Structures are given as C-alpha cells and as structure tokens.
Amino acid sequence: MSQARRRVHLDNATSLALYDEAARAAAAQVIARYSTSFGLGTRLLARAMRHHIEAVYAMVRVADEIVDTYRGDDAGDLLDAFADEVHAAMERGFSADLVAHAFATTAREVGIARAQTEPFFASMRMDLATAEHDAESLATYIYGSAEVVGEMCLAVFVNTGHGPRPLEPRVSEGARRLGAAYQKVNFLRDLGSDVEQLGRAYFPGVTAESLTDARLAELVADCRADMDAARACLPDLPRRARVAVATTLDIYDRLLAQIASTPAAELAGRRIRVANPVKLGLAARNVVPFGSAAGARA
C-alpha cells in the first residue's frame, strides 16, 4: 500500500466515514434477517433514505429482541443500558454499538429526537411488566411502540437530504396512524403466540379463547380506519417514499383481509402471512404508475 493510501485511511474524517459505513451495513443486516415486508419496502427507496430507514428498524428491532427474545431476569437493565447508549450516541454522534451508532447518525441528520425515542423505550419497558392491558395502557403502549416509530420514518422520508425540519402535523398524524395500524395487525396475527410464548394479551379482554367473530370484525375495522387515514397522506411524501409506503400498506391490507376471513376461533392457531411472490407483485404494481408519472417529486 502506498504512503498516500495509508495517510487517507489514518485521516479522522475518512475513518469516521468508514465506521459510518460499517454501522449502516450492520443495520441493513438486521432488517434483511427479520422482515421481508419492510425489507422489500426499503429496497424501493433511494439509497440515503434506505440507509436511514434500516437504521431506525435495527434500533427498534434490537430493543424488541431484548424484551421478546432474551427475557432474562436482567432484561430491564439491558434495555435501560441500550436506551442510555442510544441517547448518548444521539448527543455525541458516536457509539461503540454499531446499531446505536447507525441510528444516532440518522437521528441527527433527519431530526429524530428524544420526543420519539423516550416514549418508544417506555413502551418496551411496559412489555417487561404488563401482561394485560386496559384501553388507556394499550393506547400508551401503541403510541410509544408504533406511533412514534411512524414519526421517525416520516422524518426520514421528508428530511433526508434537507436536514432536520418540523413535521407537518396532518402528515405526522397519518404516520402515527400507519404505525398503529401495523402494530394492531401484528397483534391480531400473533394473538396465539403472544399469549402462549410471551404471556401477553394486548387487546383488552381479548384472548385466543374469548375472541368472537363480532369482536374480530370490530378490531379489523379499527385497523382499516387507521390504514385509510395513513393512505390519505401518501401524496405528501416524496415519490419513492410513496412507492415504498404504498407497498407495505398493500401487504398489510392483504394480511388484514386474510385475518378478517379467518374464523375467530381459528385465528390463534394459524400463522397468517403474505407469500413473497405476492409481495413482489404488489411492489411492481406500485412502482409502474409512479415510474411513469410526469412531474412527480423525486
């Protein structure tokens, strides 16, 4: 290696850029391993936006794994340590934890703040202490676990390349309702495993045994209302973000339709999913009209 080449790699800015790249790659691996639906959506985004969404997903996923997969006696301490590291990284711009570093870099660039991260970690702590929810605690939980994550993603969509800017309130509400819809659909899909494996019942008074067809129809209608509100805000997103979000919405529409057509007594015993070829078809359907639209925002 030439002396000039060695000097480049010893330069602080270049070394930090390399570390940023390694952190982004780590975050990308997390979403690739855990989610075909959101992974497909991110591949429809421009590179910088995709990296930011991967960083948000990875941070959320790690916290979720602490409370849902590890579940050791010290899970609360581990979650607190991770939250502290994420917040410290957001302040200083660096972390020895690659996922925390990737998220902090994204947060600083697009304007994600503790107003979003603190409610998120508070909801993760609820999973360690709350087995059953009432209406009030469920609303608090969904706000922190899903709605603020929707706001984080919206900040990525509208602020990538521009720097931190306030979010438009109407579109921010749509992003929160999108996050809530996805969370509630997942609750319905995972009804059996949440109770059997994690000992949790999210919907008040609803268990695998007590769920009726009428109550299921109510819960499905609530999810659809949230998804409709989110879809109404799609025109406010940059073009490629519209394609990505529309694709994930379509995938969750399919999931919800399958849930709605499943008898309540059988729902807990099934793992409802959308096949990967169907997901690819939904993505293609969204890409084509936007790809030919004249004057669309990039």
C-alpha atoms as a PDB file:
ATOM      1  CA  MET A   1       0.000   0.000   0.000  1.00  0.00           C
ATOM      2  CA  SER A   2       1.351   3.444  -0.903  1.00  0.00           C
ATOM      3  CA  GLN A   3       2.212   6.037   1.731  1.00  0.00           C
ATOM      4  CA  ALA A   4      -0.541   8.278   0.324  1.00  0.00           C
ATOM      5  CA  ARG A   5      -3.084   5.457   0.676  1.00  0.00           C
ATOM      6  CA  ARG A   6      -2.087   4.869   4.307  1.00  0.00           C
ATOM      7  CA  ARG A   7      -2.479   8.584   5.059  1.00  0.00           C
ATOM      8  CA  VAL A   8      -6.021   8.542   3.679  1.00  0.00           C
ATOM      9  CA  HIS A   9      -7.045   5.724   5.995  1.00  0.00           C
ATOM     10  CA  LEU A  10      -5.495   7.425   9.007  1.00  0.00           C
ATOM     11  CA  ASP A  11      -7.389  10.649   8.352  1.00  0.00           C
ATOM     12  CA  ASN A  12     -10.081  11.118  11.031  1.00  0.00           C
ATOM     13  CA  ALA A  13     -12.880  12.127   8.671  1.00  0.00           C
ATOM     14  CA  THR A  14     -12.211   9.227   6.351  1.00  0.00           C
ATOM     15  CA  SER A  15     -12.031   6.787   9.265  1.00  0.00           C
ATOM     16  CA  LEU A  16     -15.351   8.026  10.641  1.00  0.00           C
ATOM     17  CA  ALA A  17     -16.912   7.678   7.211  1.00  0.00           C
ATOM     18  CA  LEU A  18     -15.712   4.076   7.110  1.00  0.00           C
ATOM     19  CA  TYR A  19     -17.163   3.432  10.582  1.00  0.00           C
ATOM     20  CA  ASP A  20     -20.471   5.007   9.497  1.00  0.00           C
ATOM     21  CA  GLU A  21     -20.494   2.647   6.520  1.00  0.00           C
ATOM     22  CA  ALA A  22     -19.877  -0.369   8.745  1.00  0.00           C
ATOM     23  CA  ALA A  23     -22.708   0.715  11.058  1.00  0.00           C
ATOM     24  CA  ARG A  24     -25.090   1.120   8.117  1.00  0.00           C
ATOM     25  CA  ALA A  25     -24.155  -2.354   6.899  1.00  0.00           C
ATOM     26  CA  ALA A  26     -24.910  -3.809  10.335  1.00  0.00           C
ATOM     27  CA  ALA A  27     -28.316  -2.150  10.388  1.00  0.00           C
ATOM     28  CA  ALA A  28     -29.061  -3.427   6.889  1.00  0.00           C
ATOM     29  CA  GLN A  29     -28.313  -6.979   8.038  1.00  0.00           C
ATOM     30  CA  VAL A  30     -30.876  -6.689  10.830  1.00  0.00           C
ATOM     31  CA  ILE A  31     -33.775  -5.789   8.546  1.00  0.00           C
ATOM     32  CA  ALA A  32     -32.667  -8.370   5.959  1.00  0.00           C
ATOM     33  CA  ARG A  33     -32.809 -11.121   8.590  1.00  0.00           C
ATOM     34  CA  TYR A  34     -36.045 -10.120  10.273  1.00  0.00           C
ATOM     35  CA  SER A  35     -38.549  -8.677   7.811  1.00  0.00           C
ATOM     36  CA  THR A  36     -39.346  -9.465   4.197  1.00  0.00           C
ATOM     37  CA  SER A  37     -42.190  -6.924   4.122  1.00  0.00           C
ATOM     38  CA  PHE A  38     -40.255  -3.922   5.403  1.00  0.00           C
ATOM     39  CA  GLY A  39     -37.089  -5.137   3.726  1.00  0.00           C
ATOM     40  CA  LEU A  40     -38.903  -5.059   0.396  1.00  0.00           C
ATOM     41  CA  GLY A  41     -40.224  -1.589   1.129  1.00  0.00           C
ATOM     42  CA  THR A  42     -36.772  -0.222   1.908  1.00  0.00           C
ATOM     43  CA  ARG A  43     -35.381  -1.548  -1.379  1.00  0.00           C
ATOM     44  CA  LEU A  44     -37.782   0.764  -3.185  1.00  0.00           C
ATOM     45  CA  LEU A  45     -36.210   3.827  -1.542  1.00  0.00           C
ATOM     46  CA  ALA A  46     -33.296   5.939  -2.700  1.00  0.00           C
ATOM     47  CA  ARG A  47     -30.023   4.826  -1.106  1.00  0.00           C
ATOM     48  CA  ALA A  48     -29.674   7.524   1.556  1.00  0.00           C
ATOM     49  CA  MET A  49     -33.296   7.184   2.619  1.00  0.00           C
ATOM     50  CA  ARG A  50     -32.995   3.400   2.653  1.00  0.00           C
ATOM     51  CA  HIS A  51     -29.973   3.517   4.948  1.00  0.00           C
ATOM     52  CA  HIS A  52     -31.846   5.752   7.386  1.00  0.00           C
ATOM     53  CA  ILE A  53     -34.934   3.506   7.491  1.00  0.00           C
ATOM     54  CA  GLU A  54     -32.701   0.460   8.011  1.00  0.00           C
ATOM     55  CA  ALA A  55     -31.089   2.239  10.964  1.00  0.00           C
ATOM     56  CA  VAL A  56     -34.468   3.037  12.532  1.00  0.00           C
ATOM     57  CA  TYR A  57     -35.667  -0.543  12.046  1.00  0.00           C
ATOM     58  CA  ALA A  58     -32.475  -2.011  13.514  1.00  0.00           C
ATOM     59  CA  MET A  59     -32.644   0.088  16.677  1.00  0.00           C
ATOM     60  CA  VAL A  60     -36.300  -0.806  17.216  1.00  0.00           C
ATOM     61  CA  ARG A  61     -35.612  -4.467  16.482  1.00  0.00           C
ATOM     62  CA  VAL A  62     -32.770  -4.738  18.995  1.00  0.00           C
ATOM     63  CA  ALA A  63     -34.936  -3.274  21.753  1.00  0.00           C
ATOM     64  CA  ASP A  64     -37.747  -5.637  20.803  1.00  0.00           C
ATOM     65  CA  GLU A  65     -35.401  -8.620  20.925  1.00  0.00           C
ATOM     66  CA  ILE A  66     -34.318  -7.705  24.436  1.00  0.00           C
ATOM     67  CA  VAL A  67     -37.887  -7.864  25.739  1.00  0.00           C
ATOM     68  CA  ASP A  68     -39.291 -10.614  23.482  1.00  0.00           C
ATOM     69  CA  THR A  69     -36.362 -12.973  22.839  1.00  0.00           C
ATOM     70  CA  TYR A  70     -33.855 -12.572  25.668  1.00  0.00           C
ATOM     71  CA  ARG A  71     -36.355 -12.082  28.509  1.00  0.00           C
ATOM     72  CA  GLY A  72     -33.727 -12.744  31.176  1.00  0.00           C
ATOM     73  CA  ASP A  73     -34.085 -11.508  34.737  1.00  0.00           C
ATOM     74  CA  ASP A  74     -31.849  -8.583  33.850  1.00  0.00           C
ATOM     75  CA  ALA A  75     -33.721  -7.700  30.653  1.00  0.00           C
ATOM     76  CA  GLY A  76     -34.818  -4.403  32.172  1.00  0.00           C
ATOM     77  CA  ASP A  77     -31.233  -3.463  32.962  1.00  0.00           C
ATOM     78  CA  LEU A  78     -30.144  -4.491  29.472  1.00  0.00           C
ATOM     79  CA  LEU A  79     -32.927  -2.424  27.892  1.00  0.00           C
ATOM     80  CA  ASP A  80     -32.037   0.601  30.010  1.00  0.00           C
ATOM     81  CA  ALA A  81     -28.378   0.261  29.048  1.00  0.00           C
ATOM     82  CA  PHE A  82     -29.300   0.121  25.361  1.00  0.00           C
ATOM     83  CA  ALA A  83     -31.588   3.143  25.705  1.00  0.00           C
ATOM     84  CA  ASP A  84     -28.860   5.073  27.501  1.00  0.00           C
ATOM     85  CA  GLU A  85     -26.376   4.202  24.763  1.00  0.00           C
ATOM     86  CA  VAL A  86     -28.777   5.275  22.015  1.00  0.00           C
ATOM     87  CA  HIS A  87     -29.430   8.604  23.717  1.00  0.00           C
ATOM     88  CA  ALA A  88     -25.752   9.211  24.424  1.00  0.00           C
ATOM     89  CA  ALA A  89     -24.921   8.443  20.805  1.00  0.00           C
ATOM     90  CA  MET A  90     -27.575  10.901  19.642  1.00  0.00           C
ATOM     91  CA  GLU A  91     -25.779  13.557  21.702  1.00  0.00           C
ATOM     92  CA  ARG A  92     -22.153  12.792  20.862  1.00  0.00           C
ATOM     93  CA  GLY A  93     -22.539  11.351  17.355  1.00  0.00           C
ATOM     94  CA  PHE A  94     -20.703   8.102  18.062  1.00  0.00           C
ATOM     95  CA  SER A  95     -21.257   4.719  19.673  1.00  0.00           C
ATOM     96  CA  ALA A  96     -19.245   1.539  20.043  1.00  0.00           C
ATOM     97  CA  ASP A  97     -22.572  -0.247  19.412  1.00  0.00           C
ATOM     98  CA  LEU A  98     -22.949  -0.332  15.614  1.00  0.00           C
ATOM     99  CA  VAL A  99     -26.754  -0.298  15.658  1.00  0.00           C
ATOM    100  CA  ALA A 100     -26.861   2.586  18.136  1.00  0.00           C
ATOM    101  CA  HIS A 101     -24.306   4.439  16.024  1.00  0.00           C
ATOM    102  CA  ALA A 102     -26.275   3.938  12.808  1.00  0.00           C
ATOM    103  CA  PHE A 103     -29.484   5.118  14.468  1.00  0.00           C
ATOM    104  CA  ALA A 104     -27.826   8.124  16.105  1.00  0.00           C
ATOM    105  CA  THR A 105     -26.337   9.213  12.787  1.00  0.00           C
ATOM    106  CA  THR A 106     -29.777   9.010  11.205  1.00  0.00           C
ATOM    107  CA  ALA A 107     -31.436  10.815  14.119  1.00  0.00           C
ATOM    108  CA  ARG A 108     -29.001  13.714  13.923  1.00  0.00           C
ATOM    109  CA  GLU A 109     -29.345  14.020  10.154  1.00  0.00           C
ATOM    110  CA  VAL A 110     -33.155  13.954   9.882  1.00  0.00           C
ATOM    111  CA  GLY A 111     -34.293  15.342  13.229  1.00  0.00           C
ATOM    112  CA  ILE A 112     -35.399  12.331  15.276  1.00  0.00           C
ATOM    113  CA  ALA A 113     -35.340  13.426  18.913  1.00  0.00           C
ATOM    114  CA  ARG A 114     -35.903  12.093  22.405  1.00  0.00           C
ATOM    115  CA  ALA A 115     -39.544  13.132  21.998  1.00  0.00           C
ATOM    116  CA  GLN A 116     -39.792   9.986  19.863  1.00  0.00           C
ATOM    117  CA  THR A 117     -37.207   7.695  21.446  1.00  0.00           C
ATOM    118  CA  GLU A 118     -38.222   8.123  25.088  1.00  0.00           C
ATOM    119  CA  PRO A 119     -41.857   7.006  24.543  1.00  0.00           C
ATOM    120  CA  PHE A 120     -40.547   4.120  22.469  1.00  0.00           C
ATOM    121  CA  PHE A 121     -38.311   2.798  25.234  1.00  0.00           C
ATOM    122  CA  ALA A 122     -41.068   3.407  27.795  1.00  0.00           C
ATOM    123  CA  SER A 123     -43.352   1.082  25.827  1.00  0.00           C
ATOM    124  CA  MET A 124     -40.614  -1.526  25.585  1.00  0.00           C
ATOM    125  CA  ARG A 125     -40.358  -1.413  29.381  1.00  0.00           C
ATOM    126  CA  MET A 126     -44.121  -1.997  29.583  1.00  0.00           C
ATOM    127  CA  ASP A 127     -43.629  -5.325  27.827  1.00  0.00           C
ATOM    128  CA  LEU A 128     -41.484  -6.438  30.758  1.00  0.00           C
ATOM    129  CA  ALA A 129     -44.081  -5.531  33.358  1.00  0.00           C
ATOM    130  CA  THR A 130     -47.571  -5.542  31.802  1.00  0.00           C
ATOM    131  CA  ALA A 131     -49.252  -8.829  30.878  1.00  0.00           C
ATOM    132  CA  GLU A 132     -52.721  -7.451  30.155  1.00  0.00           C
ATOM    133  CA  HIS A 133     -53.810  -4.005  29.011  1.00  0.00           C
ATOM    134  CA  ASP A 134     -56.829  -1.822  29.552  1.00  0.00           C
ATOM    135  CA  ALA A 135     -57.823   0.771  26.962  1.00  0.00           C
ATOM    136  CA  GLU A 136     -55.652   3.505  28.479  1.00  0.00           C
ATOM    137  CA  SER A 137     -52.495   1.429  28.865  1.00  0.00           C
ATOM    138  CA  LEU A 138     -52.899  -0.014  25.366  1.00  0.00           C
ATOM    139  CA  ALA A 139     -53.145   3.473  23.862  1.00  0.00           C
ATOM    140  CA  THR A 140     -49.991   4.473  25.739  1.00  0.00           C
ATOM    141  CA  TYR A 141     -48.226   1.319  24.620  1.00  0.00           C
ATOM    142  CA  ILE A 142     -49.149   1.692  20.941  1.00  0.00           C
ATOM    143  CA  TYR A 143     -48.154   5.350  20.946  1.00  0.00           C
ATOM    144  CA  GLY A 144     -44.649   4.508  22.144  1.00  0.00           C
ATOM    145  CA  SER A 145     -44.105   1.205  20.375  1.00  0.00           C
ATOM    146  CA  ALA A 146     -45.538   2.159  16.992  1.00  0.00           C
ATOM    147  CA  GLU A 147     -46.851   5.695  16.513  1.00  0.00           C
ATOM    148  CA  VAL A 148     -43.574   7.444  17.319  1.00  0.00           C
ATOM    149  CA  VAL A 149     -41.782   4.952  15.074  1.00  0.00           C
ATOM    150  CA  GLY A 150     -44.078   6.141  12.300  1.00  0.00           C
ATOM    151  CA  GLU A 151     -42.946   9.681  13.063  1.00  0.00           C
ATOM    152  CA  MET A 152     -39.296   8.585  12.926  1.00  0.00           C
ATOM    153  CA  CYS A 153     -39.868   7.125   9.478  1.00  0.00           C
ATOM    154  CA  LEU A 154     -41.691  10.252   8.341  1.00  0.00           C
ATOM    155  CA  ALA A 155     -38.714  12.361   9.436  1.00  0.00           C
ATOM    156  CA  VAL A 156     -36.544  10.158   7.227  1.00  0.00           C
ATOM    157  CA  PHE A 157     -38.898  10.487   4.272  1.00  0.00           C
ATOM    158  CA  VAL A 158     -39.235  14.266   4.326  1.00  0.00           C
ATOM    159  CA  ASN A 159     -35.885  15.369   5.776  1.00  0.00           C
ATOM    160  CA  THR A 160     -33.309  13.157   4.062  1.00  0.00           C
ATOM    161  CA  GLY A 161     -31.041  15.493   2.156  1.00  0.00           C
ATOM    162  CA  HIS A 162     -32.604  18.562   3.779  1.00  0.00           C
ATOM    163  CA  GLY A 163     -31.649  18.304   7.433  1.00  0.00           C
ATOM    164  CA  PRO A 164     -33.929  18.452  10.488  1.00  0.00           C
ATOM    165  CA  ARG A 165     -37.207  20.271   9.888  1.00  0.00           C
ATOM    166  CA  PRO A 166     -40.516  20.260  11.793  1.00  0.00           C
ATOM    167  CA  LEU A 167     -43.007  17.644  10.629  1.00  0.00           C
ATOM    168  CA  GLU A 168     -46.299  18.841   9.150  1.00  0.00           C
ATOM    169  CA  PRO A 169     -48.962  17.979  11.786  1.00  0.00           C
ATOM    170  CA  ARG A 170     -51.509  16.403   9.446  1.00  0.00           C
ATOM    171  CA  VAL A 171     -48.926  14.164   7.786  1.00  0.00           C
ATOM    172  CA  SER A 172     -47.413  13.351  11.174  1.00  0.00           C
ATOM    173  CA  GLU A 173     -50.818  12.118  12.332  1.00  0.00           C
ATOM    174  CA  GLY A 174     -51.021   9.918   9.240  1.00  0.00           C
ATOM    175  CA  ALA A 175     -47.601   8.461  10.046  1.00  0.00           C
ATOM    176  CA  ARG A 176     -48.647   7.732  13.621  1.00  0.00           C
ATOM    177  CA  ARG A 177     -51.819   6.001  12.461  1.00  0.00           C
ATOM    178  CA  LEU A 178     -49.819   3.936   9.983  1.00  0.00           C
ATOM    179  CA  GLY A 179     -47.574   2.738  12.796  1.00  0.00           C
ATOM    180  CA  ALA A 180     -50.600   1.987  14.963  1.00  0.00           C
ATOM    181  CA  ALA A 181     -52.266   0.012  12.165  1.00  0.00           C
ATOM    182  CA  TYR A 182     -49.234  -2.172  11.586  1.00  0.00           C
ATOM    183  CA  GLN A 183     -48.892  -2.797  15.310  1.00  0.00           C
ATOM    184  CA  LYS A 184     -52.528  -3.800  15.718  1.00  0.00           C
ATOM    185  CA  VAL A 185     -52.465  -6.071  12.662  1.00  0.00           C
ATOM    186  CA  ASN A 186     -49.415  -7.771  14.164  1.00  0.00           C
ATOM    187  CA  PHE A 187     -51.268  -8.171  17.467  1.00  0.00           C
ATOM    188  CA  LEU A 188     -54.075  -9.978  15.641  1.00  0.00           C
ATOM    189  CA  ARG A 189     -51.700 -12.125  13.606  1.00  0.00           C
ATOM    190  CA  ASP A 190     -49.665 -13.074  16.698  1.00  0.00           C
ATOM    191  CA  LEU A 191     -52.599 -13.494  19.069  1.00  0.00           C
ATOM    192  CA  GLY A 192     -51.801 -17.094  19.921  1.00  0.00           C
ATOM    193  CA  SER A 193     -48.024 -16.776  20.267  1.00  0.00           C
ATOM    194  CA  ASP A 194     -48.249 -13.578  22.326  1.00  0.00           C
ATOM    195  CA  VAL A 195     -50.306 -15.407  24.938  1.00  0.00           C
ATOM    196  CA  GLU A 196     -48.596 -18.806  24.801  1.00  0.00           C
ATOM    197  CA  GLN A 197     -44.958 -17.724  24.448  1.00  0.00           C
ATOM    198  CA  LEU A 198     -44.853 -14.236  25.956  1.00  0.00           C
ATOM    199  CA  GLY A 199     -47.794 -14.331  28.368  1.00  0.00           C
ATOM    200  CA  ARG A 200     -49.244 -11.092  26.996  1.00  0.00           C
ATOM    201  CA  ALA A 201     -52.730 -10.036  25.911  1.00  0.00           C
ATOM    202  CA  TYR A 202     -52.715  -6.658  24.198  1.00  0.00           C
ATOM    203  CA  PHE A 203     -56.360  -6.041  23.294  1.00  0.00           C
ATOM    204  CA  PRO A 204     -58.402  -5.515  26.486  1.00  0.00           C
ATOM    205  CA  GLY A 205     -60.453  -8.575  27.316  1.00  0.00           C
ATOM    206  CA  VAL A 206     -59.332 -10.443  24.203  1.00  0.00           C
ATOM    207  CA  THR A 207     -57.619 -13.824  24.364  1.00  0.00           C
ATOM    208  CA  ALA A 208     -57.400 -16.687  21.920  1.00  0.00           C
ATOM    209  CA  GLU A 209     -60.314 -18.320  23.729  1.00  0.00           C
ATOM    210  CA  SER A 210     -62.538 -15.279  24.219  1.00  0.00           C
ATOM    211  CA  LEU A 211     -62.219 -13.659  20.782  1.00  0.00           C
ATOM    212  CA  THR A 212     -65.524 -13.734  18.908  1.00  0.00           C
ATOM    213  CA  ASP A 213     -66.217 -13.121  15.227  1.00  0.00           C
ATOM    214  CA  ALA A 214     -68.024  -9.890  16.123  1.00  0.00           C
ATOM    215  CA  ARG A 215     -65.104  -8.584  18.198  1.00  0.00           C
ATOM    216  CA  LEU A 216     -62.653  -9.592  15.486  1.00  0.00           C
ATOM    217  CA  ALA A 217     -64.688  -7.613  12.952  1.00  0.00           C
ATOM    218  CA  GLU A 218     -64.508  -4.551  15.214  1.00  0.00           C
ATOM    219  CA  LEU A 219     -60.738  -4.843  15.563  1.00  0.00           C
ATOM    220  CA  VAL A 220     -60.309  -5.307  11.820  1.00  0.00           C
ATOM    221  CA  ALA A 221     -62.435  -2.220  11.141  1.00  0.00           C
ATOM    222  CA  ASP A 222     -60.302  -0.188  13.543  1.00  0.00           C
ATOM    223  CA  CYS A 223     -57.130  -1.274  11.715  1.00  0.00           C
ATOM    224  CA  ARG A 224     -58.670  -0.376   8.365  1.00  0.00           C
ATOM    225  CA  ALA A 225     -59.622   3.085   9.589  1.00  0.00           C
ATOM    226  CA  ASP A 226     -56.019   3.738  10.600  1.00  0.00           C
ATOM    227  CA  MET A 227     -54.719   2.441   7.284  1.00  0.00           C
ATOM    228  CA  ASP A 228     -57.164   4.601   5.330  1.00  0.00           C
ATOM    229  CA  ALA A 229     -56.023   7.684   7.270  1.00  0.00           C
ATOM    230  CA  ALA A 230     -52.402   6.849   6.519  1.00  0.00           C
ATOM    231  CA  ARG A 231     -53.095   6.228   2.834  1.00  0.00           C
ATOM    232  CA  ALA A 232     -54.707   9.664   2.530  1.00  0.00           C
ATOM    233  CA  CYS A 233     -51.328  11.210   3.392  1.00  0.00           C
ATOM    234  CA  LEU A 234     -49.350   9.337   0.733  1.00  0.00           C
ATOM    235  CA  PRO A 235     -49.457  12.265  -1.755  1.00  0.00           C
ATOM    236  CA  ASP A 236     -47.497  14.354   0.763  1.00  0.00           C
ATOM    237  CA  LEU A 237     -44.494  12.021   0.638  1.00  0.00           C
ATOM    238  CA  PRO A 238     -41.611  12.169  -1.841  1.00  0.00           C
ATOM    239  CA  ARG A 239     -42.178   9.896  -4.838  1.00  0.00           C
ATOM    240  CA  ARG A 240     -40.061   6.895  -3.875  1.00  0.00           C
ATOM    241  CA  ALA A 241     -41.262   7.047  -0.278  1.00  0.00           C
ATOM    242  CA  ARG A 242     -44.829   6.934  -1.632  1.00  0.00           C
ATOM    243  CA  VAL A 243     -43.992   3.776  -3.565  1.00  0.00           C
ATOM    244  CA  ALA A 244     -42.387   2.109  -0.550  1.00  0.00           C
ATOM    245  CA  VAL A 245     -45.127   3.014   1.925  1.00  0.00           C
ATOM    246  CA  ALA A 246     -47.893   2.125  -0.535  1.00  0.00           C
ATOM    247  CA  THR A 247     -46.291  -1.293  -0.982  1.00  0.00           C
ATOM    248  CA  THR A 248     -46.134  -2.025   2.740  1.00  0.00           C
ATOM    249  CA  LEU A 249     -49.702  -0.767   3.097  1.00  0.00           C
ATOM    250  CA  ASP A 250     -50.823  -3.160   0.373  1.00  0.00           C
ATOM    251  CA  ILE A 251     -49.041  -6.050   2.073  1.00  0.00           C
ATOM    252  CA  TYR A 252     -50.748  -5.264   5.359  1.00  0.00           C
ATOM    253  CA  ASP A 253     -54.074  -4.882   3.551  1.00  0.00           C
ATOM    254  CA  ARG A 254     -53.631  -8.454   2.354  1.00  0.00           C
ATOM    255  CA  LEU A 255     -52.724  -9.621   5.835  1.00  0.00           C
ATOM    256  CA  LEU A 256     -55.757  -7.908   7.288  1.00  0.00           C
ATOM    257  CA  ALA A 257     -58.060  -9.366   4.646  1.00  0.00           C
ATOM    258  CA  GLN A 258     -56.824 -12.857   5.486  1.00  0.00           C
ATOM    259  CA  ILE A 259     -57.286 -12.189   9.188  1.00  0.00           C
ATOM    260  CA  ALA A 260     -60.817 -10.912   8.565  1.00  0.00           C
ATOM    261  CA  SER A 261     -61.722 -14.053   6.619  1.00  0.00           C
ATOM    262  CA  THR A 262     -60.415 -16.375   9.347  1.00  0.00           C
ATOM    263  CA  PRO A 263     -62.943 -17.531  11.973  1.00  0.00           C
ATOM    264  CA  ALA A 264     -62.080 -16.038  15.349  1.00  0.00           C
ATOM    265  CA  ALA A 265     -61.897 -19.497  16.936  1.00  0.00           C
ATOM    266  CA  GLU A 266     -59.162 -20.487  14.459  1.00  0.00           C
ATOM    267  CA  LEU A 267     -57.120 -17.289  14.344  1.00  0.00           C
ATOM    268  CA  ALA A 268     -54.771 -18.108  17.205  1.00  0.00           C
ATOM    269  CA  GLY A 269     -53.864 -21.446  15.658  1.00  0.00           C
ATOM    270  CA  ARG A 270     -52.774 -20.018  12.302  1.00  0.00           C
ATOM    271  CA  ARG A 271     -49.724 -18.062  11.228  1.00  0.00           C
ATOM    272  CA  ILE A 272     -51.144 -15.750   8.594  1.00  0.00           C
ATOM    273  CA  ARG A 273     -48.668 -14.397   6.098  1.00  0.00           C
ATOM    274  CA  VAL A 274     -48.449 -12.999   2.581  1.00  0.00           C
ATOM    275  CA  ALA A 275     -46.327 -15.082   0.215  1.00  0.00           C
ATOM    276  CA  ASN A 276     -43.164 -13.457  -1.091  1.00  0.00           C
ATOM    277  CA  PRO A 277     -44.219 -13.649  -4.771  1.00  0.00           C
ATOM    278  CA  VAL A 278     -47.406 -11.774  -3.869  1.00  0.00           C
ATOM    279  CA  LYS A 279     -45.356  -9.117  -2.081  1.00  0.00           C
ATOM    280  CA  LEU A 280     -43.174  -8.685  -5.160  1.00  0.00           C
ATOM    281  CA  GLY A 281     -46.265  -8.338  -7.310  1.00  0.00           C
ATOM    282  CA  LEU A 282     -47.644  -5.629  -5.034  1.00  0.00           C
ATOM    283  CA  ALA A 283     -44.340  -3.790  -5.218  1.00  0.00           C
ATOM    284  CA  ALA A 284     -44.304  -3.971  -9.002  1.00  0.00           C
ATOM    285  CA  ARG A 285     -47.869  -2.666  -9.174  1.00  0.00           C
ATOM    286  CA  ASN A 286     -46.870   0.386  -7.150  1.00  0.00           C
ATOM    287  CA  VAL A 287     -43.627   1.020  -8.995  1.00  0.00           C
ATOM    288  CA  VAL A 288     -45.059   1.110 -12.527  1.00  0.00           C
ATOM    289  CA  PRO A 289     -47.525   4.013 -12.251  1.00  0.00           C
ATOM    290  CA  PHE A 290     -45.134   6.130 -10.232  1.00  0.00           C
ATOM    291  CA  GLY A 291     -42.240   5.350 -12.551  1.00  0.00           C
ATOM    292  CA  SER A 292     -44.095   6.864 -15.494  1.00  0.00           C
ATOM    293  CA  ALA A 293     -45.751   9.774 -13.716  1.00  0.00           C
ATOM    294  CA  ALA A 294     -44.691  13.102 -15.115  1.00  0.00           C
ATOM    295  CA  GLY A 295     -43.679  15.808 -12.724  1.00  0.00           C
ATOM    296  CA  ALA A 296     -43.624  13.551  -9.652  1.00  0.00           C
ATOM    297  CA  ARG A 297     -41.322  14.640  -6.855  1.00  0.00           C
ATOM    298  CA  ALA A 298     -38.160  12.587  -6.540  1.00  0.00           C
END
